Amino acid sequence: MLVGVGPLGGITLLAASSDPATSRPQGPRGRAGKDFDGRGILASLSRGSLSVINRMGDGGTERMGVPQRTPEAQARGMGRGSGQVIRVRALRKAYGTKAALDGVDLDVDRGEVVALLGPNGAGKTTTVEVLEGFRSRTAGEVAVLDEDPEHGSRAWRARIGVVLQDLGSFDELRVREVVRHWSHFLADPLDPDEVIELVALSDKAGSLGKTLSGGQRRRLDVAVGLVGRPELLFLDEPTTGLDPEARRAVWDLIGRLTALGTTVLLTSHLLDEVEALADRVLVIVDGRVVAAGTPRTLGGRSDAQAVVAFDRPTSDRPLPSEVTGSPVEVDGRRCRITTDRPTAVVAGLSAWAGAAELPGLTVSRPTLEDVYLSLVAHRELAGAGR
């Protein structure tokens, strides 16, 4: 497991410890770079080896779709059992009279991707650090892979992987040296060269850290988190600062890992990333979970009313009966209809318009971002009134 980083003679090296009290992240949590250009990050993991099944070909880009997780893959969990991976009840963390976490409950099953959302200072990082064993708790019950992370054994630490926002600087070490160095701390590591190939850094394996682009450094961070063959992977804002193509490449990699049963706990401020990757989402505000669900159902999103919008043709005819029973907003020629029956409204509008087109016709429901912002604003208003 990734324990942390610490300076030694001006060179940042990885430091391992079997003592939970000394296993703390020493490096700063910063932002990733913006020019990650990796491609073809697709692989198949097995209990005995890792084999890369998709590579760059003759200067071109080859990308396969991310496979769907099967129930068998979720239960297999990298070949190490099945069932619940994280169980948290009434988790509380206080600093003096200030509660950073105030009664958090969380369940994560094997093979799931669960995302934690919330504004800065909401308690996401504190929650994750308690689960990683980096931070003690004030009260509550916490079990991660059937152990209390605050007193996690060395064997337990070898079963989790952590990818921080920034591991620190490896300027004077080569890519292969970093990954091999870390693998020596682990009981059952993957082959370092295969991990380097998995994250599409084979052509940079002999390069010094200071020569890597920001995105390549991010891939090195991921390689360090993966080399221990983790059952549970913590990802802290894995694509912050990366360009769209780079983000898709990282998503492909995460999809490959989860398709084979790896469990992921993800923090991110990117709502499209959460929607693309997460099976379930928890929103934390002021140290409390204010909503939980799938990206589709969070905060009642799937049951929310639809909005049918269109530009009204130049006509004095009244709108059809399918429309007049719903709230209608008119701004010039633009009409917006809020309804529980969007199909009937569109059918009525089509019959009403006849052969004429309805310019700008759209049907939409609240986005995940809309729901998230509403949940946060509602909670903050409620907190201000206390």
Protein backbone atom coordinates (compact mmCIF):
# COMPACT_ATOMS: atom_id res chain seq x y z
CA MET A 1 0.00 0.00 0.00
CA LEU A 2 1.13 3.54 -0.61
CA VAL A 3 2.21 4.89 2.75
CA GLY A 4 3.66 8.25 1.87
CA VAL A 5 6.68 10.09 0.62
CA GLY A 6 9.54 11.68 2.45
CA PRO A 7 12.67 13.64 1.52
CA LEU A 8 16.04 11.97 1.77
CA GLY A 9 19.14 13.88 0.76
CA GLY A 10 17.15 16.12 -1.55
CA ILE A 11 15.64 13.13 -3.39
CA THR A 12 12.06 12.12 -2.68
CA LEU A 13 11.82 8.41 -1.94
CA LEU A 14 8.94 6.20 -0.90
CA ALA A 15 8.96 5.24 2.74
CA ALA A 16 7.22 2.16 4.13
CA SER A 17 6.19 1.43 7.68
CA SER A 18 4.29 -1.34 9.36
CA ASP A 19 3.42 0.94 12.27
CA PRO A 20 0.03 2.65 11.72
CA ALA A 21 1.12 5.53 13.92
CA THR A 22 3.97 6.43 11.57
CA SER A 23 2.23 5.62 8.31
CA ARG A 24 1.18 9.10 7.28
CA PRO A 25 1.35 10.90 3.96
CA GLN A 26 4.29 13.29 4.04
CA GLY A 27 4.07 14.84 0.59
CA PRO A 28 1.78 17.73 -0.34
CA ARG A 29 -1.52 17.16 -2.05
CA GLY A 30 -1.27 19.23 -5.18
CA ARG A 31 -2.73 19.36 -8.65
CA ALA A 32 -1.83 17.15 -11.55
CA GLY A 33 -0.43 18.47 -14.80
CA LYS A 34 -2.40 19.28 -17.92
CA ASP A 35 -0.69 17.53 -20.81
CA PHE A 36 -1.17 13.81 -20.19
CA ASP A 37 -1.03 12.16 -23.62
CA GLY A 38 -1.35 8.47 -22.76
CA ARG A 39 -3.18 6.08 -25.05
CA GLY A 40 -4.19 2.46 -25.09
CA ILE A 41 -4.34 1.99 -21.32
CA LEU A 42 -6.18 -1.31 -21.41
CA ALA A 43 -5.15 -4.42 -19.57
CA SER A 44 -6.27 -7.71 -18.14
CA LEU A 45 -5.28 -8.57 -14.57
CA SER A 46 -5.15 -12.08 -13.21
CA ARG A 47 -4.08 -13.46 -9.86
CA GLY A 48 -0.72 -14.57 -11.17
CA SER A 49 0.20 -11.95 -13.72
CA LEU A 50 -0.73 -8.81 -15.55
CA SER A 51 -0.77 -8.87 -19.33
CA VAL A 52 -1.27 -5.79 -21.48
CA ILE A 53 -3.71 -6.54 -24.26
CA ASN A 54 -3.84 -3.23 -26.06
CA ARG A 55 -0.84 -1.16 -27.13
CA MET A 56 0.08 1.66 -29.40
CA GLY A 57 0.28 0.44 -32.95
CA ASP A 58 2.55 2.02 -35.55
CA GLY A 59 2.04 5.51 -34.24
CA GLY A 60 -1.75 5.24 -34.25
CA THR A 61 -4.24 5.13 -31.42
CA GLU A 62 -6.23 2.02 -30.60
CA ARG A 63 -8.93 2.13 -27.98
CA MET A 64 -11.36 -0.56 -26.96
CA GLY A 65 -14.56 -0.01 -25.00
CA VAL A 66 -14.48 -0.53 -21.26
CA PRO A 67 -16.11 -3.89 -20.49
CA GLN A 68 -19.09 -4.16 -18.21
CA ARG A 69 -18.47 -5.77 -14.85
CA THR A 70 -19.98 -9.20 -14.52
CA PRO A 71 -21.37 -10.50 -11.23
CA GLU A 72 -18.64 -13.13 -11.29
CA ALA A 73 -15.96 -10.46 -11.60
CA GLN A 74 -17.45 -8.44 -8.76
CA ALA A 75 -17.55 -11.52 -6.54
CA ARG A 76 -14.08 -12.62 -7.54
CA GLY A 77 -12.56 -9.36 -6.38
CA MET A 78 -9.10 -10.10 -7.78
CA GLY A 79 -9.36 -13.63 -6.46
CA ARG A 80 -9.43 -12.74 -2.75
CA GLY A 81 -12.92 -13.41 -1.50
CA SER A 82 -16.16 -11.50 -1.81
CA GLY A 83 -18.65 -9.39 0.13
CA GLN A 84 -18.46 -6.04 1.81
CA VAL A 85 -15.20 -4.12 1.51
CA ILE A 86 -16.00 -0.99 3.56
CA ARG A 87 -18.46 -0.64 6.42
CA VAL A 88 -18.73 2.64 8.35
CA ARG A 89 -21.24 3.48 11.07
CA ALA A 90 -21.64 6.83 12.88
CA LEU A 91 -18.13 7.97 11.99
CA ARG A 92 -17.16 11.11 13.85
CA LYS A 93 -13.97 13.16 13.74
CA ALA A 94 -13.68 16.26 15.89
CA TYR A 95 -10.99 18.86 16.37
CA GLY A 96 -11.80 20.42 19.69
CA THR A 97 -15.42 21.53 19.44
CA LYS A 98 -15.42 21.46 15.63
CA ALA A 99 -16.83 18.28 14.05
CA ALA A 100 -15.20 17.58 10.68
CA LEU A 101 -17.30 14.40 10.41
CA ASP A 102 -20.59 14.03 12.24
CA GLY A 103 -22.21 10.60 11.92
CA VAL A 104 -21.10 9.36 8.48
CA ASP A 105 -22.44 5.95 7.37
CA LEU A 106 -20.94 4.22 4.34
CA ASP A 107 -21.12 0.76 2.76
CA VAL A 108 -19.05 -0.33 -0.23
CA ASP A 109 -19.35 -3.80 -1.76
CA ARG A 110 -16.62 -5.60 -3.63
CA GLY A 111 -16.30 -4.51 -7.25
CA GLU A 112 -18.16 -1.22 -6.76
CA VAL A 113 -16.99 2.25 -7.70
CA VAL A 114 -18.28 4.67 -5.06
CA ALA A 115 -17.72 8.42 -5.42
CA LEU A 116 -17.65 10.97 -2.62
CA LEU A 117 -18.83 14.43 -3.61
CA GLY A 118 -18.93 17.63 -1.62
CA PRO A 119 -17.63 21.17 -1.50
CA ASN A 120 -14.16 21.94 -0.18
CA GLY A 121 -14.02 21.43 3.56
CA ALA A 122 -17.07 19.15 3.58
CA GLY A 123 -15.20 16.16 5.05
CA LYS A 124 -14.38 14.05 1.99
CA THR A 125 -10.63 13.97 2.54
CA THR A 126 -11.02 13.33 6.27
CA THR A 127 -13.33 10.40 5.53
CA VAL A 128 -10.91 8.88 3.05
CA GLU A 129 -7.88 9.35 5.31
CA VAL A 130 -9.68 7.57 8.16
CA LEU A 131 -10.44 4.68 5.80
CA GLU A 132 -6.83 4.58 4.61
CA GLY A 133 -5.52 4.48 8.18
CA PHE A 134 -3.81 7.85 7.83
CA ARG A 135 -6.03 9.56 10.41
CA SER A 136 -7.59 8.44 13.69
CA ARG A 137 -11.29 8.87 14.42
CA THR A 138 -13.04 10.33 17.43
CA ALA A 139 -15.93 7.86 17.45
CA GLY A 140 -17.79 5.35 15.30
CA GLU A 141 -17.19 1.94 13.77
CA VAL A 142 -14.96 1.48 10.72
CA ALA A 143 -14.07 -1.78 8.95
CA VAL A 144 -12.05 -1.88 5.73
CA LEU A 145 -11.37 -5.34 4.32
CA ASP A 146 -12.52 -6.70 7.70
CA GLU A 147 -9.95 -4.73 9.73
CA ASP A 148 -9.97 -1.48 11.63
CA PRO A 149 -7.72 0.75 9.51
CA GLU A 150 -6.55 2.65 12.58
CA HIS A 151 -4.80 -0.55 13.66
CA GLY A 152 -4.31 -2.11 10.24
CA SER A 153 -1.73 -4.87 9.99
CA ARG A 154 1.08 -4.95 7.48
CA ALA A 155 -0.79 -7.64 5.54
CA TRP A 156 -3.88 -5.40 5.47
CA ARG A 157 -1.87 -2.45 4.16
CA ALA A 158 -0.60 -4.60 1.30
CA ARG A 159 -4.19 -5.13 0.16
CA ILE A 160 -5.02 -1.48 -0.51
CA GLY A 161 -3.66 1.08 -2.93
CA VAL A 162 -3.73 4.85 -2.63
CA VAL A 163 -3.32 7.38 -5.43
CA LEU A 164 -3.03 10.85 -3.91
CA GLN A 165 -3.45 14.03 -5.92
CA ASP A 166 0.33 14.34 -5.93
CA LEU A 167 2.89 11.90 -4.52
CA GLY A 168 5.63 14.49 -4.47
CA SER A 169 8.70 14.82 -6.66
CA PHE A 170 10.70 11.99 -8.20
CA ASP A 171 12.93 14.33 -10.19
CA GLU A 172 16.18 12.42 -9.77
CA LEU A 173 14.73 8.90 -10.07
CA ARG A 174 13.87 7.05 -13.25
CA VAL A 175 10.34 5.74 -13.82
CA ARG A 176 11.44 2.11 -13.59
CA GLU A 177 13.40 2.81 -10.40
CA VAL A 178 10.37 4.35 -8.69
CA VAL A 179 8.02 1.47 -9.46
CA ARG A 180 10.60 -1.24 -8.69
CA HIS A 181 11.60 0.51 -5.47
CA TRP A 182 8.04 0.50 -4.25
CA SER A 183 7.40 -3.11 -5.32
CA HIS A 184 10.16 -4.26 -2.95
CA PHE A 185 8.02 -3.24 0.03
CA LEU A 186 5.15 -5.48 -1.04
CA ALA A 187 4.56 -9.17 -0.43
CA ASP A 188 2.93 -9.98 -3.76
CA PRO A 189 3.63 -7.20 -6.27
CA LEU A 190 2.87 -7.20 -9.94
CA ASP A 191 5.82 -7.12 -12.28
CA PRO A 192 7.00 -3.47 -12.33
CA ASP A 193 7.66 -3.45 -16.07
CA GLU A 194 4.18 -4.77 -16.77
CA VAL A 195 2.64 -2.09 -14.54
CA ILE A 196 4.66 0.55 -16.37
CA GLU A 197 3.33 -0.80 -19.65
CA LEU A 198 -0.21 -0.84 -18.24
CA VAL A 199 -0.07 2.90 -17.59
CA ALA A 200 1.54 3.54 -21.00
CA LEU A 201 4.93 4.68 -19.72
CA SER A 202 7.12 2.01 -21.29
CA ASP A 203 8.78 4.53 -23.58
CA LYS A 204 9.60 6.63 -20.49
CA ALA A 205 10.75 3.79 -18.24
CA GLY A 206 14.36 4.97 -18.33
CA SER A 207 13.54 8.68 -18.07
CA LEU A 208 14.11 10.82 -15.00
CA GLY A 209 11.07 12.12 -13.22
CA LYS A 210 12.01 15.71 -13.95
CA THR A 211 11.66 15.06 -17.70
CA LEU A 212 8.07 13.80 -17.47
CA SER A 213 5.08 15.90 -18.45
CA GLY A 214 2.43 16.59 -15.83
CA GLY A 215 0.17 13.87 -17.18
CA GLN A 216 3.00 11.35 -17.31
CA ARG A 217 3.74 12.08 -13.67
CA ARG A 218 0.09 11.38 -12.93
CA ARG A 219 0.37 8.00 -14.63
CA LEU A 220 3.42 7.26 -12.51
CA ASP A 221 1.31 8.03 -9.42
CA VAL A 222 -1.25 5.47 -10.63
CA ALA A 223 1.48 2.88 -11.30
CA VAL A 224 2.71 3.16 -7.71
CA GLY A 225 -0.83 2.68 -6.45
CA LEU A 226 -1.36 -0.40 -8.62
CA VAL A 227 1.91 -2.30 -8.27
CA GLY A 228 0.77 -3.95 -5.02
CA ARG A 229 -2.16 -5.66 -6.76
CA PRO A 230 -4.72 -3.83 -4.52
CA GLU A 231 -8.15 -5.18 -3.78
CA LEU A 232 -9.28 -1.68 -2.81
CA LEU A 233 -8.02 1.42 -4.59
CA PHE A 234 -8.43 4.95 -3.24
CA LEU A 235 -8.35 7.60 -5.98
CA ASP A 236 -8.14 11.24 -4.93
CA GLU A 237 -9.23 13.43 -7.86
CA PRO A 238 -7.44 11.21 -10.39
CA THR A 239 -7.87 13.43 -13.46
CA THR A 240 -7.87 16.97 -12.07
CA GLY A 241 -5.98 19.23 -14.47
CA LEU A 242 -5.79 16.72 -17.32
CA ASP A 243 -6.99 17.41 -20.85
CA PRO A 244 -10.13 15.63 -22.17
CA GLU A 245 -8.24 12.91 -24.04
CA ALA A 246 -6.06 12.23 -21.02
CA ARG A 247 -9.09 11.98 -18.76
CA ARG A 248 -10.71 9.44 -21.07
CA ALA A 249 -7.53 7.36 -20.98
CA VAL A 250 -7.58 7.31 -17.18
CA TRP A 251 -11.28 6.42 -17.22
CA ASP A 252 -10.48 3.47 -19.51
CA LEU A 253 -7.86 2.26 -17.05
CA ILE A 254 -10.22 2.52 -14.07
CA GLY A 255 -12.89 0.72 -16.06
CA ARG A 256 -10.53 -2.17 -16.81
CA LEU A 257 -9.61 -2.55 -13.16
CA THR A 258 -13.20 -2.46 -11.89
CA ALA A 259 -14.36 -4.84 -14.63
CA LEU A 260 -12.16 -7.46 -13.00
CA GLY A 261 -13.42 -6.85 -9.48
CA THR A 262 -11.19 -4.14 -8.02
CA THR A 263 -13.13 -1.90 -5.64
CA VAL A 264 -12.63 1.86 -6.00
CA LEU A 265 -13.41 4.75 -3.67
CA LEU A 266 -13.18 7.93 -5.70
CA THR A 267 -13.20 11.61 -4.80
CA SER A 268 -13.70 14.12 -7.58
CA HIS A 269 -15.06 17.57 -8.32
CA LEU A 270 -15.77 16.59 -11.94
CA LEU A 271 -19.42 15.59 -12.23
CA ASP A 272 -19.07 14.06 -15.69
CA GLU A 273 -16.28 11.86 -14.33
CA VAL A 274 -18.47 10.69 -11.48
CA GLU A 275 -21.33 9.96 -13.84
CA ALA A 276 -19.04 7.98 -16.16
CA LEU A 277 -17.34 5.90 -13.46
CA ALA A 278 -19.41 5.61 -10.29
CA ASP A 279 -21.96 2.95 -9.40
CA ARG A 280 -23.06 4.97 -6.38
CA VAL A 281 -22.53 8.51 -5.13
CA LEU A 282 -22.52 10.01 -1.63
CA VAL A 283 -22.77 13.77 -1.13
CA ILE A 284 -21.10 15.05 2.04
CA VAL A 285 -21.77 18.55 3.35
CA ASP A 286 -20.60 19.85 6.74
CA GLY A 287 -19.40 16.40 7.74
CA ARG A 288 -22.71 14.65 7.09
CA VAL A 289 -24.03 12.50 4.24
CA VAL A 290 -26.94 14.50 2.81
CA ALA A 291 -27.77 12.22 -0.14
CA ALA A 292 -26.82 8.83 -1.57
CA GLY A 293 -27.80 6.93 -4.68
CA THR A 294 -26.75 6.05 -8.17
CA PRO A 295 -25.78 8.91 -10.49
CA ARG A 296 -29.17 8.47 -12.17
CA THR A 297 -31.28 8.47 -9.01
CA LEU A 298 -29.34 10.80 -6.69
CA GLY A 299 -31.59 13.38 -5.06
CA GLY A 300 -34.68 12.10 -6.91
CA ARG A 301 -33.11 12.89 -10.27
CA SER A 302 -34.79 9.99 -12.11
CA ASP A 303 -38.23 11.12 -10.89
CA ALA A 304 -37.73 14.81 -11.56
CA GLN A 305 -39.99 16.55 -14.03
CA ALA A 306 -38.79 16.99 -17.59
CA VAL A 307 -38.57 20.29 -19.43
CA VAL A 308 -39.76 20.39 -23.04
CA ALA A 309 -38.53 23.52 -24.80
CA PHE A 310 -39.12 24.79 -28.34
CA ASP A 311 -39.38 27.92 -30.45
CA ARG A 312 -43.04 28.58 -31.23
CA PRO A 313 -43.87 28.96 -34.93
CA THR A 314 -45.41 32.25 -36.01
CA SER A 315 -49.04 31.34 -35.32
CA ASP A 316 -51.88 32.63 -33.19
CA ARG A 317 -53.24 29.14 -32.57
CA PRO A 318 -53.42 28.19 -28.88
CA LEU A 319 -51.16 25.44 -27.65
CA PRO A 320 -52.65 21.92 -27.61
CA SER A 321 -54.43 20.45 -24.58
CA GLU A 322 -51.47 18.16 -23.86
CA VAL A 323 -49.48 21.31 -23.09
CA THR A 324 -51.97 23.62 -21.40
CA GLY A 325 -52.26 21.34 -18.36
CA SER A 326 -48.58 21.88 -17.53
CA PRO A 327 -46.71 25.00 -16.42
CA VAL A 328 -45.57 26.97 -19.47
CA GLU A 329 -42.92 29.69 -19.49
CA VAL A 330 -42.91 31.98 -22.52
CA ASP A 331 -39.99 34.26 -23.38
CA GLY A 332 -40.68 35.78 -26.74
CA ARG A 333 -41.07 32.80 -29.07
CA ARG A 334 -39.26 30.42 -26.72
CA CYS A 335 -41.55 28.13 -24.72
CA ARG A 336 -40.56 25.92 -21.79
CA ILE A 337 -43.00 23.31 -20.50
CA THR A 338 -42.38 21.50 -17.19
CA THR A 339 -44.15 18.14 -17.18
CA ASP A 340 -44.29 14.59 -15.83
CA ARG A 341 -45.42 13.39 -19.28
CA PRO A 342 -42.83 14.57 -21.80
CA THR A 343 -43.76 11.93 -24.39
CA ALA A 344 -47.41 13.01 -24.46
CA VAL A 345 -46.39 16.68 -24.62
CA VAL A 346 -44.04 16.10 -27.57
CA ALA A 347 -46.68 14.01 -29.37
CA GLY A 348 -49.29 16.75 -28.84
CA LEU A 349 -46.89 19.45 -30.05
CA SER A 350 -46.05 17.40 -33.15
CA ALA A 351 -49.73 17.00 -34.05
CA TRP A 352 -50.35 20.67 -33.31
CA ALA A 353 -47.48 21.83 -35.52
CA GLY A 354 -48.51 19.55 -38.39
CA ALA A 355 -46.01 19.74 -41.21
CA ALA A 356 -44.20 22.67 -39.62
CA GLU A 357 -40.96 22.19 -37.76
CA LEU A 358 -40.55 23.06 -34.09
CA PRO A 359 -37.16 24.77 -34.04
CA GLY A 360 -34.97 24.17 -31.01
CA LEU A 361 -37.05 21.28 -29.67
CA THR A 362 -35.36 19.71 -26.63
CA VAL A 363 -36.38 17.41 -23.79
CA SER A 364 -34.20 17.49 -20.69
CA ARG A 365 -34.11 16.44 -17.06
CA PRO A 366 -31.87 17.79 -14.28
CA THR A 367 -28.21 16.91 -14.75
CA LEU A 368 -26.12 15.39 -11.99
CA GLU A 369 -24.55 18.81 -11.57
CA ASP A 370 -27.99 20.42 -11.16
CA VAL A 371 -28.93 17.92 -8.45
CA TYR A 372 -25.59 18.19 -6.66
CA LEU A 373 -25.67 21.99 -6.55
CA SER A 374 -29.25 21.91 -5.29
CA LEU A 375 -28.36 19.47 -2.51
CA VAL A 376 -25.36 21.52 -1.42
CA ALA A 377 -27.26 24.82 -1.51
CA HIS A 378 -30.19 23.36 0.44
CA ARG A 379 -27.91 21.95 3.12
CA GLU A 380 -25.92 25.15 3.43
CA LEU A 381 -29.11 27.18 3.80
CA ALA A 382 -30.33 24.75 6.46
CA GLY A 383 -27.00 25.04 8.27
CA ALA A 384 -27.15 28.83 8.18
CA GLY A 385 -30.56 28.70 9.84
CA ARG A 386 -29.37 26.62 12.80
